[in-house]
PDB file of N, CA and C in Angstrom:
ATOM      1  N   UNK A   1      13.092  19.491 -18.338  1.00  0.00           N
ATOM      2  CA  UNK A   1      14.200  19.585 -17.407  1.00  0.00           C
ATOM      3  C   UNK A   1      13.691  19.891 -15.998  1.00  0.00           C
ATOM      4  N   UNK A   2      12.818  20.863 -15.888  1.00  0.00           N
ATOM      5  CA  UNK A   2      12.232  21.177 -14.584  1.00  0.00           C
ATOM      6  C   UNK A   2      11.548  19.955 -13.989  1.00  0.00           C
ATOM      7  N   UNK A   3      10.895  19.207 -14.851  1.00  0.00           N
ATOM      8  CA  UNK A   3      10.179  18.023 -14.382  1.00  0.00           C
ATOM      9  C   UNK A   3      11.134  17.011 -13.753  1.00  0.00           C
ATOM     10  N   UNK A   4      12.282  16.776 -14.388  1.00  0.00           N
ATOM     11  CA  UNK A   4      13.261  15.839 -13.832  1.00  0.00           C
ATOM     12  C   UNK A   4      13.772  16.318 -12.477  1.00  0.00           C
ATOM     13  N   UNK A   5      14.055  17.606 -12.372  1.00  0.00           N
ATOM     14  CA  UNK A   5      14.535  18.149 -11.104  1.00  0.00           C
ATOM     15  C   UNK A   5      13.458  18.024 -10.025  1.00  0.00           C
ATOM     16  N   UNK A   6      12.216  18.281 -10.403  1.00  0.00           N
ATOM     17  CA  UNK A   6      11.110  18.172  -9.460  1.00  0.00           C
ATOM     18  C   UNK A   6      10.944  16.726  -9.003  1.00  0.00           C
ATOM     19  N   UNK A   7      11.048  15.783  -9.931  1.00  0.00           N
ATOM     20  CA  UNK A   7      10.946  14.364  -9.577  1.00  0.00           C
ATOM     21  C   UNK A   7      12.074  13.979  -8.624  1.00  0.00           C
ATOM     22  N   UNK A   8      13.273  14.466  -8.892  1.00  0.00           N
ATOM     23  CA  UNK A   8      14.410  14.169  -8.019  1.00  0.00           C
ATOM     24  C   UNK A   8      14.178  14.703  -6.611  1.00  0.00           C
ATOM     25  N   UNK A   9      13.591  15.899  -6.515  1.00  0.00           N
ATOM     26  CA  UNK A   9      13.300  16.469  -5.199  1.00  0.00           C
ATOM     27  C   UNK A   9      12.267  15.639  -4.454  1.00  0.00           C
ATOM     28  N   UNK A  10      11.285  15.111  -5.171  1.00  0.00           N
ATOM     29  CA  UNK A  10      10.274  14.273  -4.524  1.00  0.00           C
ATOM     30  C   UNK A  10      10.901  12.982  -4.007  1.00  0.00           C
ATOM     31  N   UNK A  11      11.777  12.379  -4.809  1.00  0.00           N
ATOM     32  CA  UNK A  11      12.461  11.155  -4.376  1.00  0.00           C
ATOM     33  C   UNK A  11      13.342  11.458  -3.171  1.00  0.00           C
ATOM     34  N   UNK A  12      14.066  12.562  -3.222  1.00  0.00           N
ATOM     35  CA  UNK A  12      14.919  12.950  -2.099  1.00  0.00           C
ATOM     36  C   UNK A  12      14.085  13.189  -0.844  1.00  0.00           C
ATOM     37  N   UNK A  13      12.944  13.841  -1.011  1.00  0.00           N
ATOM     38  CA  UNK A  13      12.056  14.089   0.124  1.00  0.00           C
ATOM     39  C   UNK A  13      11.609  12.779   0.757  1.00  0.00           C
ATOM     40  N   UNK A  14      11.200  11.830  -0.073  1.00  0.00           N
ATOM     41  CA  UNK A  14      10.744  10.524   0.430  1.00  0.00           C
ATOM     42  C   UNK A  14      11.876   9.800   1.152  1.00  0.00           C
ATOM     43  N   UNK A  15      13.038   9.720   0.508  1.00  0.00           N
ATOM     44  CA  UNK A  15      14.164   8.971   1.076  1.00  0.00           C
ATOM     45  C   UNK A  15      14.651   9.599   2.380  1.00  0.00           C
ATOM     46  N   UNK A  16      14.717  10.921   2.415  1.00  0.00           N
ATOM     47  CA  UNK A  16      15.144  11.613   3.627  1.00  0.00           C
ATOM     48  C   UNK A  16      14.161  11.353   4.760  1.00  0.00           C
ATOM     49  N   UNK A  17      12.894  11.439   4.442  1.00  0.00           N
ATOM     50  CA  UNK A  17      11.865  11.177   5.456  1.00  0.00           C
ATOM     51  C   UNK A  17      12.000   9.752   5.987  1.00  0.00           C
ATOM     52  N   UNK A  18      12.130   8.778   5.099  1.00  0.00           N
ATOM     53  CA  UNK A  18      12.227   7.377   5.502  1.00  0.00           C
ATOM     54  C   UNK A  18      13.485   7.109   6.320  1.00  0.00           C
ATOM     55  N   UNK A  19      14.587   7.754   5.972  1.00  0.00           N
ATOM     56  CA  UNK A  19      15.858   7.515   6.656  1.00  0.00           C
ATOM     57  C   UNK A  19      15.825   7.967   8.113  1.00  0.00           C
ATOM     58  N   UNK A  20      14.982   8.931   8.427  1.00  0.00           N
ATOM     59  CA  UNK A  20      14.939   9.468   9.785  1.00  0.00           C
ATOM     60  C   UNK A  20      13.861   8.841  10.666  1.00  0.00           C
ATOM     61  N   UNK A  21      13.136   7.876  10.144  1.00  0.00           N
ATOM     62  CA  UNK A  21      12.084   7.234  10.934  1.00  0.00           C
ATOM     63  C   UNK A  21      12.665   6.193  11.884  1.00  0.00           C
ATOM     64  N   UNK A  22      12.138   6.160  13.083  1.00  0.00           N
ATOM     65  CA  UNK A  22      12.459   5.068  13.994  1.00  0.00           C
ATOM     66  C   UNK A  22      11.400   3.986  13.793  1.00  0.00           C
ATOM     67  N   UNK A  23      11.627   2.824  14.358  1.00  0.00           N
ATOM     68  CA  UNK A  23      10.662   1.727  14.221  1.00  0.00           C
ATOM     69  C   UNK A  23       9.300   2.123  14.791  1.00  0.00           C
ATOM     70  N   UNK A  24       9.306   2.838  15.895  1.00  0.00           N
ATOM     71  CA  UNK A  24       8.051   3.277  16.510  1.00  0.00           C
ATOM     72  C   UNK A  24       7.345   4.301  15.636  1.00  0.00           C
ATOM     73  N   UNK A  25       8.094   5.262  15.122  1.00  0.00           N
ATOM     74  CA  UNK A  25       7.505   6.296  14.268  1.00  0.00           C
ATOM     75  C   UNK A  25       6.925   5.710  12.990  1.00  0.00           C
ATOM     76  N   UNK A  26       7.573   4.674  12.485  1.00  0.00           N
ATOM     77  CA  UNK A  26       7.128   4.053  11.239  1.00  0.00           C
ATOM     78  C   UNK A  26       5.704   3.519  11.349  1.00  0.00           C
ATOM     79  N   UNK A  27       5.307   3.100  12.544  1.00  0.00           N
ATOM     80  CA  UNK A  27       3.976   2.537  12.771  1.00  0.00           C
ATOM     81  C   UNK A  27       2.968   3.567  13.291  1.00  0.00           C
ATOM     82  N   UNK A  28       3.408   4.803  13.469  1.00  0.00           N
ATOM     83  CA  UNK A  28       2.539   5.813  14.071  1.00  0.00           C
ATOM     84  C   UNK A  28       1.443   6.278  13.115  1.00  0.00           C
ATOM     85  N   UNK A  29       0.402   6.811  13.703  1.00  0.00           N
ATOM     86  CA  UNK A  29      -0.710   7.355  12.908  1.00  0.00           C
ATOM     87  C   UNK A  29      -0.231   8.546  12.074  1.00  0.00           C
ATOM     88  N   UNK A  30       0.658   9.353  12.643  1.00  0.00           N
ATOM     89  CA  UNK A  30       1.202  10.509  11.919  1.00  0.00           C
ATOM     90  C   UNK A  30       1.939  10.061  10.653  1.00  0.00           C
ATOM     91  N   UNK A  31       2.703   8.988  10.759  1.00  0.00           N
ATOM     92  CA  UNK A  31       3.427   8.471   9.592  1.00  0.00           C
ATOM     93  C   UNK A  31       2.458   7.942   8.543  1.00  0.00           C
ATOM     94  N   UNK A  32       1.414   7.261   8.982  1.00  0.00           N
ATOM     95  CA  UNK A  32       0.418   6.749   8.035  1.00  0.00           C
ATOM     96  C   UNK A  32      -0.225   7.894   7.265  1.00  0.00           C
ATOM     97  N   UNK A  33      -0.537   8.985   7.959  1.00  0.00           N
ATOM     98  CA  UNK A  33      -1.133  10.157   7.309  1.00  0.00           C
ATOM     99  C   UNK A  33      -0.128  10.788   6.350  1.00  0.00           C
ATOM    100  N   UNK A  34       1.143  10.931   6.783  1.00  0.00           N
ATOM    101  CA  UNK A  34       2.171  11.515   5.913  1.00  0.00           C
ATOM    102  C   UNK A  34       2.288  10.699   4.628  1.00  0.00           C
ATOM    103  N   UNK A  35       2.344   9.378   4.765  1.00  0.00           N
ATOM    104  CA  UNK A  35       2.490   8.494   3.608  1.00  0.00           C
ATOM    105  C   UNK A  35       1.278   8.608   2.677  1.00  0.00           C
ATOM    106  N   UNK A  36       0.080   8.619   3.243  1.00  0.00           N
ATOM    107  CA  UNK A  36      -1.132   8.752   2.426  1.00  0.00           C
ATOM    108  C   UNK A  36      -1.131  10.074   1.671  1.00  0.00           C
ATOM    109  N   UNK A  37      -0.759  11.149   2.358  1.00  0.00           N
ATOM    110  CA  UNK A  37      -0.712  12.461   1.709  1.00  0.00           C
ATOM    111  C   UNK A  37       0.343  12.499   0.611  1.00  0.00           C
ATOM    112  N   UNK A  38       1.504  11.917   0.865  1.00  0.00           N
ATOM    113  CA  UNK A  38       2.573  11.890  -0.133  1.00  0.00           C
ATOM    114  C   UNK A  38       2.122  11.113  -1.360  1.00  0.00           C
ATOM    115  N   UNK A  39       1.519   9.957  -1.147  1.00  0.00           N
ATOM    116  CA  UNK A  39       1.117   9.105  -2.262  1.00  0.00           C
ATOM    117  C   UNK A  39      -0.098   9.647  -3.004  1.00  0.00           C
ATOM    118  N   UNK A  40      -0.833  10.560  -2.397  1.00  0.00           N
ATOM    119  CA  UNK A  40      -1.996  11.154  -3.056  1.00  0.00           C
ATOM    120  C   UNK A  40      -1.595  12.182  -4.110  1.00  0.00           C
ATOM    121  N   UNK A  41      -0.362  12.666  -4.052  1.00  0.00           N
ATOM    122  CA  UNK A  41       0.120  13.641  -5.034  1.00  0.00           C
ATOM    123  C   UNK A  41       0.387  12.902  -6.343  1.00  0.00           C
ATOM    124  N   UNK A  42      -0.076  13.467  -7.471  1.00  0.00           N
ATOM    125  CA  UNK A  42       0.131  12.800  -8.763  1.00  0.00           C
ATOM    126  C   UNK A  42       1.595  12.414  -8.977  1.00  0.00           C
ATOM    127  N   UNK A  43       1.810  11.256  -9.501  1.00  0.00           N
ATOM    128  CA  UNK A  43       3.122  10.680  -9.830  1.00  0.00           C
ATOM    129  C   UNK A  43       3.906  10.174  -8.623  1.00  0.00           C
ATOM    130  N   UNK A  44       3.526  10.534  -7.413  1.00  0.00           N
ATOM    131  CA  UNK A  44       4.297  10.089  -6.257  1.00  0.00           C
ATOM    132  C   UNK A  44       4.153   8.600  -6.001  1.00  0.00           C
ATOM    133  N   UNK A  45       3.009   8.031  -6.314  1.00  0.00           N
ATOM    134  CA  UNK A  45       2.829   6.595  -6.113  1.00  0.00           C
ATOM    135  C   UNK A  45       3.823   5.820  -6.969  1.00  0.00           C
ATOM    136  N   UNK A  46       4.017   6.260  -8.217  1.00  0.00           N
ATOM    137  CA  UNK A  46       4.999   5.615  -9.098  1.00  0.00           C
ATOM    138  C   UNK A  46       6.408   5.789  -8.548  1.00  0.00           C
ATOM    139  N   UNK A  47       6.724   6.975  -8.048  1.00  0.00           N
ATOM    140  CA  UNK A  47       8.039   7.210  -7.453  1.00  0.00           C
ATOM    141  C   UNK A  47       8.245   6.317  -6.235  1.00  0.00           C
ATOM    142  N   UNK A  48       7.208   6.149  -5.439  1.00  0.00           N
ATOM    143  CA  UNK A  48       7.274   5.287  -4.267  1.00  0.00           C
ATOM    144  C   UNK A  48       7.672   3.873  -4.673  1.00  0.00           C
ATOM    145  N   UNK A  49       7.066   3.365  -5.744  1.00  0.00           N
ATOM    146  CA  UNK A  49       7.388   2.021  -6.227  1.00  0.00           C
ATOM    147  C   UNK A  49       8.850   1.935  -6.655  1.00  0.00           C
ATOM    148  N   UNK A  50       9.369   2.997  -7.251  1.00  0.00           N
ATOM    149  CA  UNK A  50      10.757   2.992  -7.722  1.00  0.00           C
ATOM    150  C   UNK A  50      11.762   2.986  -6.580  1.00  0.00           C
ATOM    151  N   UNK A  51      11.471   3.711  -5.510  1.00  0.00           N
ATOM    152  CA  UNK A  51      12.455   3.837  -4.432  1.00  0.00           C
ATOM    153  C   UNK A  51      12.334   2.754  -3.372  1.00  0.00           C
ATOM    154  N   UNK A  52      11.324   1.920  -3.455  1.00  0.00           N
ATOM    155  CA  UNK A  52      11.177   0.848  -2.473  1.00  0.00           C
ATOM    156  C   UNK A  52      12.170  -0.229  -2.696  1.00  0.00           C
TER     157      UNK A  52
END
């Protein structure tokens, strides 16, 4: 149960972050680093594929 809630929080974190990006921010070096760090966390790469 905790795992499902944790997964939901990760998806919410990703979606919220993406929703607030501007076109310029999306291409920024800071965004590239944020995305790399997010995807480096176990299971986040799979979640990324699901929410795309």
